[in-house]
């Protein structure tokens, strides 16, 4: 797996509410040239930091001869939060990762990794030139993508007596919650995903419908 460079930033923001965001379902690639440097940009859907690291490792292996592998990603997290990370990967501080991240922020793209690989041609671009080049590469690959609109989701873990299974499933269905997994142990343990805007009402109805016999937590 690729190790994360030291020039990176991470923010975990408070819950953004139910505002829609954009995501992509398939990867996209674009290339640009600035002076004698060659930039290759990749836009990939990812759902976790582990998935982002795995994709970064694949790109690094494919471009071993490149001078820099810069990136930024924005990921949905627990409780409707948002994780953002950006890395300059050896370029001057904030000259690569930040402009890439700003493109993702400006387009409201989420659950996404944007990587820009640079093959250095010998001519230095300067800080301003690097910022423009990485921003242009990020914009080029985003322009080729076909994003879809999404709403923030949260995951709930439910534990309940077997005799309440029918009630639980009916309530989840009314709120269009997606069942991720069910562990049939001594008591069923169910993981479900629901839109953030509906989560609180769903939790209240589950408690009311089961007379408080369901154990709930957000994961």
Foldseek 3Di string as FASTA:
>chain_A
DDDADPQKDKDKDPAPPWDKFKEFDAKWWDWDDDPQKIKIKIKGAAADPVRVVVVLVVVCVVPVQFPFKWKKAWHQDAPNIIMIMTGPRPDPHPLARVLLVVVCVVRRYHSMMMIMTMHDRPDDLPSVRSNVVNNVRSVVRVVVTDIDMDTGKWKKKKWAAPVCVVVLVVLCVVQVKAWPDWDPDNTIITIIMGGSNCVVVSVVVVCVSRVNRMDMDID
